[in-house]
Amino acid sequence: MFKVFLKFKIFFIIIGIIIFLIFFHQIKLLLPLENFLKRILLPIQLKIYQTTNIIQENFNFLSFKKIAEENKRLEIEIQERVIEKSFLKELSQENETLRKELNFIKKNNYSF
């Protein structure tokens, strides 16, 4: 029971602090502290921003390069499959022609 009461107490204290901070911000009482923190944190923010931009650009470049290589490989594979398909189609037609000729010989009772 005490733990639940303590959790509610901490929750309400945090909510109260947030409400006071919002109020003090609205009446511009926190403006000097906000400006001070902005000056301190700005160089850190810039470094983090630059670093993440560099990482993102490199990742995008590598990703596009990888996609382009995969695309080229797949295009070559498609060309190989088209050639293979036409070869198999030609073999199938030749096989069908030979079967017809064989049936012609059997049908007419020719002997070799």
N, C-alpha and C. Protein backbone atom coordinates (compact mmCIF):
# COMPACT_ATOMS: atom_id res chain seq x y z
N MET A 1 0.83 -1.20 0.00
CA MET A 1 0.00 0.00 0.00
C MET A 1 0.86 1.25 0.00
N PHE A 2 1.96 1.19 0.75
CA PHE A 2 2.85 2.33 0.84
C PHE A 2 3.52 2.60 -0.51
N LYS A 3 3.86 1.51 -1.25
CA LYS A 3 4.51 1.67 -2.55
C LYS A 3 3.58 2.35 -3.55
N VAL A 4 2.30 1.97 -3.50
CA VAL A 4 1.32 2.58 -4.40
C VAL A 4 1.17 4.06 -4.07
N PHE A 5 1.07 4.38 -2.79
CA PHE A 5 0.95 5.77 -2.36
C PHE A 5 2.18 6.56 -2.79
N LEU A 6 3.37 5.97 -2.65
CA LEU A 6 4.62 6.63 -3.04
C LEU A 6 4.66 6.89 -4.54
N LYS A 7 4.19 5.92 -5.32
CA LYS A 7 4.16 6.09 -6.78
C LYS A 7 3.22 7.23 -7.17
N PHE A 8 2.03 7.28 -6.56
CA PHE A 8 1.09 8.37 -6.84
C PHE A 8 1.67 9.71 -6.42
N LYS A 9 2.34 9.74 -5.29
CA LYS A 9 2.92 10.98 -4.79
C LYS A 9 3.99 11.48 -5.77
N ILE A 10 4.87 10.58 -6.23
CA ILE A 10 5.91 10.96 -7.20
C ILE A 10 5.28 11.42 -8.50
N PHE A 11 4.24 10.73 -8.94
CA PHE A 11 3.55 11.10 -10.17
C PHE A 11 2.98 12.51 -10.07
N PHE A 12 2.29 12.81 -8.97
CA PHE A 12 1.70 14.14 -8.81
C PHE A 12 2.76 15.22 -8.64
N ILE A 13 3.87 14.91 -8.02
CA ILE A 13 4.97 15.88 -7.90
C ILE A 13 5.53 16.21 -9.28
N ILE A 14 5.73 15.19 -10.09
CA ILE A 14 6.25 15.41 -11.46
C ILE A 14 5.26 16.23 -12.28
N ILE A 15 3.97 15.90 -12.20
CA ILE A 15 2.95 16.68 -12.92
C ILE A 15 2.95 18.12 -12.44
N GLY A 16 3.07 18.35 -11.13
CA GLY A 16 3.11 19.71 -10.58
C GLY A 16 4.32 20.47 -11.09
N ILE A 17 5.47 19.84 -11.13
CA ILE A 17 6.68 20.50 -11.64
C ILE A 17 6.51 20.87 -13.10
N ILE A 18 5.94 19.97 -13.88
CA ILE A 18 5.71 20.26 -15.31
C ILE A 18 4.76 21.45 -15.47
N ILE A 19 3.70 21.48 -14.69
CA ILE A 19 2.75 22.60 -14.78
C ILE A 19 3.43 23.92 -14.40
N PHE A 20 4.25 23.92 -13.31
CA PHE A 20 4.96 25.15 -12.93
C PHE A 20 5.95 25.57 -14.01
N LEU A 21 6.65 24.62 -14.62
CA LEU A 21 7.61 24.96 -15.69
C LEU A 21 6.89 25.57 -16.89
N ILE A 22 5.75 25.02 -17.25
CA ILE A 22 4.96 25.59 -18.36
C ILE A 22 4.49 27.00 -18.00
N PHE A 23 4.01 27.18 -16.80
CA PHE A 23 3.56 28.50 -16.36
C PHE A 23 4.70 29.50 -16.37
N PHE A 24 5.85 29.13 -15.78
CA PHE A 24 7.00 30.04 -15.76
C PHE A 24 7.52 30.34 -17.16
N HIS A 25 7.41 29.35 -18.06
CA HIS A 25 7.83 29.59 -19.44
C HIS A 25 6.89 30.61 -20.10
N GLN A 26 5.60 30.49 -19.85
CA GLN A 26 4.63 31.39 -20.47
C GLN A 26 4.81 32.84 -19.99
N ILE A 27 5.20 33.03 -18.75
CA ILE A 27 5.38 34.40 -18.25
C ILE A 27 6.84 34.86 -18.45
N LYS A 28 7.60 34.06 -19.18
CA LYS A 28 8.98 34.36 -19.58
C LYS A 28 9.94 34.49 -18.40
N LEU A 29 9.61 33.84 -17.30
CA LEU A 29 10.49 33.84 -16.14
C LEU A 29 11.70 32.92 -16.36
N LEU A 30 11.54 31.90 -17.20
CA LEU A 30 12.63 30.95 -17.47
C LEU A 30 13.48 31.35 -18.68
N LEU A 31 13.21 32.50 -19.29
CA LEU A 31 13.91 32.90 -20.51
C LEU A 31 15.43 32.96 -20.33
N PRO A 32 15.98 33.54 -19.28
CA PRO A 32 17.45 33.55 -19.13
C PRO A 32 18.04 32.13 -19.04
N LEU A 33 17.37 31.25 -18.30
CA LEU A 33 17.85 29.87 -18.18
C LEU A 33 17.75 29.15 -19.53
N GLU A 34 16.66 29.37 -20.26
CA GLU A 34 16.49 28.74 -21.58
C GLU A 34 17.57 29.21 -22.54
N ASN A 35 17.86 30.53 -22.56
CA ASN A 35 18.91 31.05 -23.44
C ASN A 35 20.28 30.49 -23.07
N PHE A 36 20.56 30.38 -21.80
CA PHE A 36 21.83 29.82 -21.33
C PHE A 36 21.97 28.36 -21.80
N LEU A 37 20.93 27.59 -21.61
CA LEU A 37 20.96 26.18 -22.03
C LEU A 37 21.08 26.05 -23.55
N LYS A 38 20.43 26.96 -24.29
CA LYS A 38 20.54 26.93 -25.76
C LYS A 38 21.98 27.17 -26.18
N ARG A 39 22.65 28.16 -25.55
CA ARG A 39 24.05 28.46 -25.90
C ARG A 39 24.97 27.29 -25.58
N ILE A 40 24.71 26.62 -24.49
CA ILE A 40 25.56 25.49 -24.10
C ILE A 40 25.32 24.28 -25.01
N LEU A 41 24.06 24.01 -25.32
CA LEU A 41 23.72 22.80 -26.06
C LEU A 41 23.82 22.94 -27.57
N LEU A 42 23.89 24.17 -28.09
CA LEU A 42 23.93 24.37 -29.53
C LEU A 42 25.13 23.69 -30.20
N PRO A 43 26.36 23.83 -29.70
CA PRO A 43 27.48 23.14 -30.36
C PRO A 43 27.32 21.61 -30.34
N ILE A 44 26.79 21.09 -29.27
CA ILE A 44 26.57 19.65 -29.19
C ILE A 44 25.51 19.22 -30.21
N GLN A 45 24.46 20.00 -30.30
CA GLN A 45 23.41 19.70 -31.27
C GLN A 45 23.96 19.74 -32.70
N LEU A 46 24.79 20.75 -33.00
CA LEU A 46 25.35 20.86 -34.34
C LEU A 46 26.23 19.66 -34.67
N LYS A 47 27.07 19.24 -33.75
CA LYS A 47 27.94 18.08 -33.99
C LYS A 47 27.12 16.81 -34.21
N ILE A 48 26.12 16.63 -33.39
CA ILE A 48 25.27 15.44 -33.54
C ILE A 48 24.54 15.50 -34.89
N TYR A 49 24.04 16.67 -35.25
CA TYR A 49 23.34 16.83 -36.53
C TYR A 49 24.27 16.55 -37.70
N GLN A 50 25.48 17.11 -37.67
CA GLN A 50 26.44 16.87 -38.76
C GLN A 50 26.82 15.40 -38.85
N THR A 51 27.05 14.78 -37.71
CA THR A 51 27.43 13.37 -37.70
C THR A 51 26.32 12.49 -38.26
N THR A 52 25.09 12.75 -37.84
CA THR A 52 23.98 11.94 -38.35
C THR A 52 23.76 12.18 -39.83
N ASN A 53 23.99 13.40 -40.32
CA ASN A 53 23.87 13.67 -41.76
C ASN A 53 24.92 12.90 -42.55
N ILE A 54 26.16 12.89 -42.05
CA ILE A 54 27.23 12.15 -42.72
C ILE A 54 26.91 10.66 -42.77
N ILE A 55 26.45 10.13 -41.65
CA ILE A 55 26.10 8.71 -41.59
C ILE A 55 24.94 8.40 -42.55
N GLN A 56 23.95 9.27 -42.56
CA GLN A 56 22.80 9.05 -43.44
C GLN A 56 23.20 9.12 -44.90
N GLU A 57 24.04 10.09 -45.28
CA GLU A 57 24.48 10.19 -46.67
C GLU A 57 25.28 8.96 -47.09
N ASN A 58 26.18 8.51 -46.21
CA ASN A 58 26.97 7.32 -46.54
C ASN A 58 26.08 6.09 -46.63
N PHE A 59 25.13 5.98 -45.74
CA PHE A 59 24.23 4.83 -45.78
C PHE A 59 23.39 4.85 -47.05
N ASN A 60 22.86 6.03 -47.41
CA ASN A 60 22.07 6.14 -48.64
C ASN A 60 22.93 5.82 -49.86
N PHE A 61 24.16 6.32 -49.89
CA PHE A 61 25.04 6.05 -51.02
C PHE A 61 25.31 4.56 -51.14
N LEU A 62 25.64 3.93 -50.01
CA LEU A 62 25.91 2.49 -50.03
C LEU A 62 24.66 1.72 -50.43
N SER A 63 23.54 2.17 -49.93
CA SER A 63 22.28 1.49 -50.22
C SER A 63 21.96 1.60 -51.72
N PHE A 64 22.12 2.81 -52.30
CA PHE A 64 21.85 2.99 -53.72
C PHE A 64 22.85 2.19 -54.56
N LYS A 65 24.11 2.17 -54.13
CA LYS A 65 25.11 1.42 -54.86
C LYS A 65 24.78 -0.06 -54.85
N LYS A 66 24.38 -0.54 -53.69
CA LYS A 66 24.03 -1.96 -53.55
C LYS A 66 22.80 -2.29 -54.41
N ILE A 67 21.83 -1.41 -54.41
CA ILE A 67 20.62 -1.62 -55.21
C ILE A 67 20.96 -1.62 -56.69
N ALA A 68 21.83 -0.70 -57.13
CA ALA A 68 22.22 -0.64 -58.53
C ALA A 68 22.95 -1.92 -58.95
N GLU A 69 23.85 -2.40 -58.09
CA GLU A 69 24.57 -3.64 -58.40
C GLU A 69 23.60 -4.82 -58.48
N GLU A 70 22.67 -4.89 -57.56
CA GLU A 70 21.68 -5.97 -57.56
C GLU A 70 20.81 -5.89 -58.81
N ASN A 71 20.43 -4.69 -59.18
CA ASN A 71 19.62 -4.48 -60.38
C ASN A 71 20.36 -4.96 -61.63
N LYS A 72 21.63 -4.61 -61.74
CA LYS A 72 22.42 -5.04 -62.90
C LYS A 72 22.54 -6.56 -62.94
N ARG A 73 22.79 -7.17 -61.77
CA ARG A 73 22.90 -8.62 -61.70
C ARG A 73 21.59 -9.29 -62.12
N LEU A 74 20.47 -8.73 -61.67
CA LEU A 74 19.17 -9.30 -62.02
C LEU A 74 18.85 -9.12 -63.51
N GLU A 75 19.27 -8.00 -64.10
CA GLU A 75 19.06 -7.80 -65.53
C GLU A 75 19.84 -8.84 -66.33
N ILE A 76 21.06 -9.12 -65.93
CA ILE A 76 21.86 -10.14 -66.61
C ILE A 76 21.20 -11.51 -66.45
N GLU A 77 20.70 -11.78 -65.25
CA GLU A 77 20.03 -13.06 -65.01
C GLU A 77 18.77 -13.18 -65.87
N ILE A 78 18.04 -12.10 -66.03
CA ILE A 78 16.84 -12.12 -66.88
C ILE A 78 17.23 -12.41 -68.32
N GLN A 79 18.29 -11.78 -68.81
CA GLN A 79 18.75 -12.04 -70.18
C GLN A 79 19.13 -13.50 -70.36
N GLU A 80 19.82 -14.07 -69.36
CA GLU A 80 20.19 -15.48 -69.43
C GLU A 80 18.95 -16.37 -69.46
N ARG A 81 17.94 -16.02 -68.66
CA ARG A 81 16.71 -16.82 -68.63
C ARG A 81 15.95 -16.71 -69.95
N VAL A 82 15.97 -15.56 -70.58
CA VAL A 82 15.29 -15.40 -71.87
C VAL A 82 15.98 -16.27 -72.92
N ILE A 83 17.30 -16.27 -72.92
CA ILE A 83 18.05 -17.10 -73.86
C ILE A 83 17.75 -18.57 -73.60
N GLU A 84 17.77 -18.95 -72.32
CA GLU A 84 17.49 -20.34 -71.95
C GLU A 84 16.07 -20.74 -72.36
N LYS A 85 15.11 -19.83 -72.17
CA LYS A 85 13.72 -20.11 -72.53
C LYS A 85 13.59 -20.32 -74.04
N SER A 86 14.23 -19.45 -74.82
CA SER A 86 14.13 -19.61 -76.28
C SER A 86 14.81 -20.90 -76.74
N PHE A 87 15.91 -21.26 -76.10
CA PHE A 87 16.60 -22.52 -76.44
C PHE A 87 15.70 -23.71 -76.12
N LEU A 88 15.07 -23.67 -74.93
CA LEU A 88 14.17 -24.76 -74.55
C LEU A 88 12.94 -24.82 -75.46
N LYS A 89 12.45 -23.68 -75.89
CA LYS A 89 11.30 -23.65 -76.80
C LYS A 89 11.69 -24.26 -78.14
N GLU A 90 12.87 -23.94 -78.61
CA GLU A 90 13.36 -24.50 -79.87
C GLU A 90 13.52 -26.02 -79.75
N LEU A 91 14.07 -26.49 -78.62
CA LEU A 91 14.21 -27.93 -78.40
C LEU A 91 12.85 -28.62 -78.33
N SER A 92 11.90 -27.96 -77.71
CA SER A 92 10.56 -28.51 -77.61
C SER A 92 9.92 -28.65 -78.99
N GLN A 93 10.08 -27.63 -79.82
CA GLN A 93 9.54 -27.68 -81.18
C GLN A 93 10.23 -28.78 -81.99
N GLU A 94 11.52 -28.89 -81.85
CA GLU A 94 12.26 -29.94 -82.55
C GLU A 94 11.80 -31.32 -82.08
N ASN A 95 11.60 -31.47 -80.79
CA ASN A 95 11.13 -32.73 -80.23
C ASN A 95 9.74 -33.07 -80.78
N GLU A 96 8.88 -32.07 -80.83
CA GLU A 96 7.53 -32.29 -81.36
C GLU A 96 7.58 -32.71 -82.83
N THR A 97 8.44 -32.07 -83.61
CA THR A 97 8.60 -32.42 -85.02
C THR A 97 9.08 -33.86 -85.16
N LEU A 98 10.05 -34.24 -84.37
CA LEU A 98 10.57 -35.61 -84.42
C LEU A 98 9.50 -36.63 -84.01
N ARG A 99 8.69 -36.29 -83.03
CA ARG A 99 7.61 -37.20 -82.61
C ARG A 99 6.60 -37.38 -83.76
N LYS A 100 6.30 -36.27 -84.43
CA LYS A 100 5.36 -36.37 -85.57
C LYS A 100 5.94 -37.25 -86.67
N GLU A 101 7.21 -37.10 -86.96
CA GLU A 101 7.86 -37.93 -87.98
C GLU A 101 7.87 -39.40 -87.56
N LEU A 102 8.11 -39.64 -86.30
CA LEU A 102 8.10 -41.01 -85.79
C LEU A 102 6.70 -41.60 -85.90
N ASN A 103 5.69 -40.83 -85.58
CA ASN A 103 4.31 -41.30 -85.72
C ASN A 103 3.95 -41.55 -87.17
N PHE A 104 4.48 -40.74 -88.07
CA PHE A 104 4.24 -40.93 -89.50
C PHE A 104 4.80 -42.27 -89.94
N ILE A 105 6.00 -42.58 -89.48
CA ILE A 105 6.61 -43.85 -89.85
C ILE A 105 5.80 -45.01 -89.27
N LYS A 106 5.39 -44.92 -88.04
CA LYS A 106 4.62 -46.00 -87.43
C LYS A 106 3.24 -46.14 -88.08
N LYS A 107 2.63 -45.02 -88.39
CA LYS A 107 1.30 -45.03 -88.97
C LYS A 107 1.30 -45.71 -90.34
N ASN A 108 2.32 -45.46 -91.12
CA ASN A 108 2.38 -45.99 -92.48
C ASN A 108 3.14 -47.31 -92.56
N ASN A 109 3.56 -47.84 -91.47
CA ASN A 109 4.26 -49.12 -91.40
C ASN A 109 5.49 -49.18 -92.29
N TYR A 110 6.24 -48.11 -92.26
CA TYR A 110 7.51 -48.14 -92.99
C TYR A 110 8.54 -48.82 -92.11
N SER A 111 9.45 -49.50 -92.77
CA SER A 111 10.53 -50.12 -92.02
C SER A 111 11.84 -49.59 -92.51
N PHE A 112 12.80 -49.59 -91.67
CA PHE A 112 14.12 -49.09 -92.04
C PHE A 112 15.02 -50.23 -92.38
